[in-house]
N, C-alpha and C. Protein backbone atom coordinates (compact mmCIF):
# COMPACT_ATOMS: atom_id res chain seq x y z
N UNK A 1 19.39 33.02 81.60
CA UNK A 1 19.88 33.89 82.70
C UNK A 1 21.31 34.04 82.69
N UNK A 2 21.93 35.21 82.91
CA UNK A 2 23.34 35.41 83.01
C UNK A 2 23.75 35.91 84.32
N UNK A 3 24.54 35.17 85.14
CA UNK A 3 24.86 35.77 86.46
C UNK A 3 26.46 35.95 86.33
N UNK A 4 26.81 37.15 86.53
CA UNK A 4 28.11 37.59 86.53
C UNK A 4 28.64 37.92 87.83
N UNK A 5 29.82 37.33 88.13
CA UNK A 5 30.59 37.62 89.34
C UNK A 5 31.76 38.42 88.98
N UNK A 6 31.75 39.75 89.52
CA UNK A 6 32.72 40.69 89.07
C UNK A 6 33.74 40.71 90.21
N UNK A 7 35.00 40.65 89.83
CA UNK A 7 36.14 40.74 90.76
C UNK A 7 37.38 40.13 90.14
N UNK A 8 38.54 40.28 90.86
CA UNK A 8 39.85 39.88 90.26
C UNK A 8 40.20 38.48 90.67
N UNK A 9 39.32 37.77 91.18
CA UNK A 9 39.67 36.29 91.47
C UNK A 9 40.19 36.06 92.85
N UNK A 10 39.92 37.05 93.71
CA UNK A 10 40.34 36.87 95.16
C UNK A 10 39.56 35.79 95.87
N UNK A 11 39.94 35.45 97.11
CA UNK A 11 39.07 34.46 97.84
C UNK A 11 37.67 34.90 97.95
N UNK A 12 37.29 36.25 98.24
CA UNK A 12 36.01 36.64 98.41
C UNK A 12 35.27 36.55 97.07
N UNK A 13 35.82 36.71 95.87
CA UNK A 13 35.25 36.59 94.64
C UNK A 13 34.96 35.14 94.29
N UNK A 14 35.90 34.32 94.65
CA UNK A 14 35.81 32.86 94.48
C UNK A 14 34.55 32.34 95.40
N UNK A 15 34.40 32.85 96.58
CA UNK A 15 33.32 32.39 97.47
C UNK A 15 32.03 32.86 96.95
N UNK A 16 32.05 34.04 96.28
CA UNK A 16 30.71 34.51 95.69
C UNK A 16 30.34 33.74 94.65
N UNK A 17 31.22 33.34 93.82
CA UNK A 17 30.92 32.41 92.62
C UNK A 17 30.45 31.05 93.15
N UNK A 18 31.11 30.52 94.15
CA UNK A 18 30.83 29.24 94.78
C UNK A 18 29.29 29.34 95.27
N UNK A 19 28.90 30.36 95.96
CA UNK A 19 27.55 30.66 96.39
C UNK A 19 26.55 30.68 95.39
N UNK A 20 26.96 31.31 94.20
CA UNK A 20 26.04 31.57 93.09
C UNK A 20 25.80 30.07 92.46
N UNK A 21 26.80 29.28 92.29
CA UNK A 21 26.59 27.82 91.74
C UNK A 21 25.71 27.06 92.73
N UNK A 22 25.92 27.26 94.07
CA UNK A 22 25.18 26.46 95.03
C UNK A 22 23.86 26.88 94.93
N UNK A 23 23.49 28.25 94.75
CA UNK A 23 22.10 28.68 94.71
C UNK A 23 21.35 28.06 93.56
N UNK A 24 22.16 27.92 92.39
CA UNK A 24 21.55 27.33 91.18
C UNK A 24 21.19 25.97 91.52
N UNK A 25 22.10 25.16 92.10
CA UNK A 25 21.92 23.82 92.43
C UNK A 25 20.66 23.65 93.28
N UNK A 26 20.62 24.42 94.30
CA UNK A 26 19.48 24.29 95.27
C UNK A 26 18.05 24.72 94.58
N UNK A 27 18.14 25.53 93.50
CA UNK A 27 16.96 25.84 92.75
C UNK A 27 16.68 24.81 91.58
N UNK A 28 17.49 23.82 91.51
CA UNK A 28 17.22 22.83 90.53
C UNK A 28 17.69 23.28 89.10
N UNK A 29 18.59 24.32 89.04
CA UNK A 29 18.99 24.86 87.87
C UNK A 29 20.32 24.37 87.45
N UNK A 30 20.64 24.13 86.12
CA UNK A 30 21.88 23.59 85.67
C UNK A 30 22.74 24.66 85.07
N UNK A 31 23.91 24.89 85.67
CA UNK A 31 24.87 25.99 84.95
C UNK A 31 25.12 25.64 83.58
N UNK A 32 25.07 26.35 82.74
CA UNK A 32 25.33 26.26 81.21
C UNK A 32 24.03 25.92 80.44
N UNK A 33 22.98 25.58 81.15
CA UNK A 33 21.65 25.29 80.43
C UNK A 33 20.67 26.25 80.96
N UNK A 34 20.41 26.29 82.21
CA UNK A 34 19.47 27.15 82.73
C UNK A 34 19.97 28.70 82.98
N UNK A 35 21.22 28.60 83.37
CA UNK A 35 21.85 29.97 83.65
C UNK A 35 23.42 29.76 83.41
N UNK A 36 23.93 30.98 83.00
CA UNK A 36 25.41 31.06 82.83
C UNK A 36 26.02 31.67 84.00
N UNK A 37 27.04 31.27 84.62
CA UNK A 37 27.65 31.93 85.72
C UNK A 37 29.18 32.22 85.20
N UNK A 38 29.44 33.50 85.06
CA UNK A 38 30.58 33.90 84.37
C UNK A 38 31.35 34.87 85.28
N UNK A 39 32.69 34.76 85.24
CA UNK A 39 33.66 35.69 86.08
C UNK A 39 33.98 36.79 85.23
N UNK A 40 33.89 38.05 85.58
CA UNK A 40 34.19 39.22 84.95
C UNK A 40 35.47 39.82 85.85
N UNK A 41 36.59 39.71 85.12
CA UNK A 41 37.88 40.10 85.77
C UNK A 41 38.57 41.36 85.21
N UNK A 42 38.09 41.79 83.99
CA UNK A 42 38.61 42.88 83.37
C UNK A 42 38.10 44.17 84.08
N UNK A 43 38.96 45.01 84.41
CA UNK A 43 38.61 46.34 85.19
C UNK A 43 37.56 47.17 84.39
N UNK A 44 37.81 47.32 83.10
CA UNK A 44 37.03 48.01 82.25
C UNK A 44 35.59 47.43 82.17
N UNK A 45 35.41 46.20 82.02
CA UNK A 45 34.15 45.48 82.05
C UNK A 45 33.47 45.56 83.40
N UNK A 46 34.28 45.47 84.40
CA UNK A 46 33.66 45.61 85.83
C UNK A 46 33.14 47.01 85.93
N UNK A 47 33.85 48.06 85.54
CA UNK A 47 33.42 49.43 85.64
C UNK A 47 32.10 49.68 84.74
N UNK A 48 32.14 49.12 83.53
CA UNK A 48 30.99 49.29 82.76
C UNK A 48 29.76 48.73 83.24
N UNK A 49 29.73 47.83 84.16
CA UNK A 49 28.63 47.27 84.96
C UNK A 49 28.22 48.22 86.21
N UNK A 50 28.90 49.35 86.40
CA UNK A 50 28.66 50.14 87.49
C UNK A 50 29.22 49.72 88.85
N UNK A 51 30.17 48.67 88.73
CA UNK A 51 30.69 48.27 90.08
C UNK A 51 31.98 48.99 90.40
N UNK A 52 32.01 49.41 91.68
CA UNK A 52 33.19 50.06 92.26
C UNK A 52 33.97 49.25 93.24
N UNK A 53 33.22 48.47 94.03
CA UNK A 53 33.82 47.56 95.07
C UNK A 53 33.48 46.12 94.64
N UNK A 54 34.53 45.24 94.65
CA UNK A 54 34.29 43.82 94.41
C UNK A 54 34.38 43.01 95.77
N UNK A 55 33.76 41.97 95.79
CA UNK A 55 33.02 41.31 94.76
C UNK A 55 31.63 41.94 94.57
N UNK A 56 31.10 41.58 93.34
CA UNK A 56 29.91 42.19 92.97
C UNK A 56 29.14 41.13 92.19
N UNK A 57 27.83 41.08 92.26
CA UNK A 57 26.97 40.08 91.49
C UNK A 57 26.02 40.85 90.62
N UNK A 58 26.04 40.68 89.26
CA UNK A 58 25.15 41.20 88.24
C UNK A 58 24.33 40.13 87.73
N UNK A 59 22.97 40.24 87.72
CA UNK A 59 22.09 39.23 87.12
C UNK A 59 21.37 39.89 86.01
N UNK A 60 21.39 39.27 84.85
CA UNK A 60 20.85 39.92 83.54
C UNK A 60 21.04 41.40 83.56
N UNK A 61 22.25 41.73 83.73
CA UNK A 61 22.59 43.22 83.57
C UNK A 61 22.20 44.15 84.71
N UNK A 62 21.67 43.61 85.69
CA UNK A 62 21.34 44.31 86.93
C UNK A 62 22.12 44.04 88.11
N UNK A 63 22.90 45.03 88.66
CA UNK A 63 23.79 44.84 89.83
C UNK A 63 22.95 44.64 91.01
N UNK A 64 23.15 43.41 91.77
CA UNK A 64 22.22 43.09 92.75
C UNK A 64 23.00 43.11 94.16
N UNK A 65 24.36 43.09 94.06
CA UNK A 65 25.18 43.22 95.23
C UNK A 65 26.60 43.67 94.91
N UNK A 66 27.12 44.35 95.88
CA UNK A 66 28.54 44.94 95.57
C UNK A 66 29.16 45.09 97.01
N UNK A 67 30.56 44.70 96.92
CA UNK A 67 31.32 44.92 98.18
C UNK A 67 31.19 43.92 99.16
N UNK A 68 30.61 42.83 99.05
CA UNK A 68 30.56 41.80 99.97
C UNK A 68 30.23 40.45 99.44
N UNK A 69 30.34 39.42 100.24
CA UNK A 69 29.94 38.02 99.77
C UNK A 69 28.51 37.73 100.13
N UNK A 70 27.63 37.66 99.00
CA UNK A 70 26.21 37.34 99.47
C UNK A 70 26.07 35.81 99.78
N UNK A 71 25.17 35.61 100.66
CA UNK A 71 24.94 34.12 100.92
C UNK A 71 24.16 33.48 99.95
N UNK A 72 24.05 32.19 100.01
CA UNK A 72 23.25 31.43 98.89
C UNK A 72 21.86 31.81 98.92
N UNK A 73 21.20 31.95 100.15
CA UNK A 73 19.87 32.33 100.20
C UNK A 73 19.54 33.66 99.58
N UNK A 74 20.44 34.69 99.67
CA UNK A 74 20.19 35.98 98.95
C UNK A 74 20.24 35.71 97.50
N UNK A 75 21.24 34.98 97.02
CA UNK A 75 21.38 34.76 95.60
C UNK A 75 20.21 34.04 94.96
N UNK A 76 19.69 32.98 95.72
CA UNK A 76 18.37 32.27 95.29
C UNK A 76 17.25 33.31 95.18
N UNK A 77 17.20 34.20 96.02
CA UNK A 77 16.07 35.20 96.07
C UNK A 77 16.24 36.11 94.87
N UNK A 78 17.39 36.62 94.46
CA UNK A 78 17.72 37.45 93.35
C UNK A 78 17.32 36.63 92.06
N UNK A 79 17.76 35.44 92.07
CA UNK A 79 17.43 34.52 90.78
C UNK A 79 16.01 34.38 90.60
N UNK A 80 15.21 34.02 91.63
CA UNK A 80 13.88 33.85 91.55
C UNK A 80 13.09 35.06 91.20
N UNK A 81 13.57 36.26 91.55
CA UNK A 81 12.90 37.57 91.30
C UNK A 81 13.09 37.85 89.72
N UNK A 82 14.20 37.16 89.16
CA UNK A 82 14.51 37.54 87.80
C UNK A 82 14.24 36.48 86.79
N UNK A 83 13.64 35.36 87.27
CA UNK A 83 13.33 34.20 86.36
C UNK A 83 12.22 34.57 85.32
């Protein structure tokens, strides 16, 4: 599973990444083994994923959230739907 956090590294983007890592932990998944959490900071790569407003979360190529910080529970739900 690939979880991409799209944004330029602002505090909102950092909070989104932190929530994604926490969601993995709560689901008993290990970053780097069960799922990869990556930051996408390049504007062209962000646009290629259909993202207009950051932060955004893309899981396995599907944009699931844009323009806000999703909470851990939301991210867990999205991960479980795509397992």
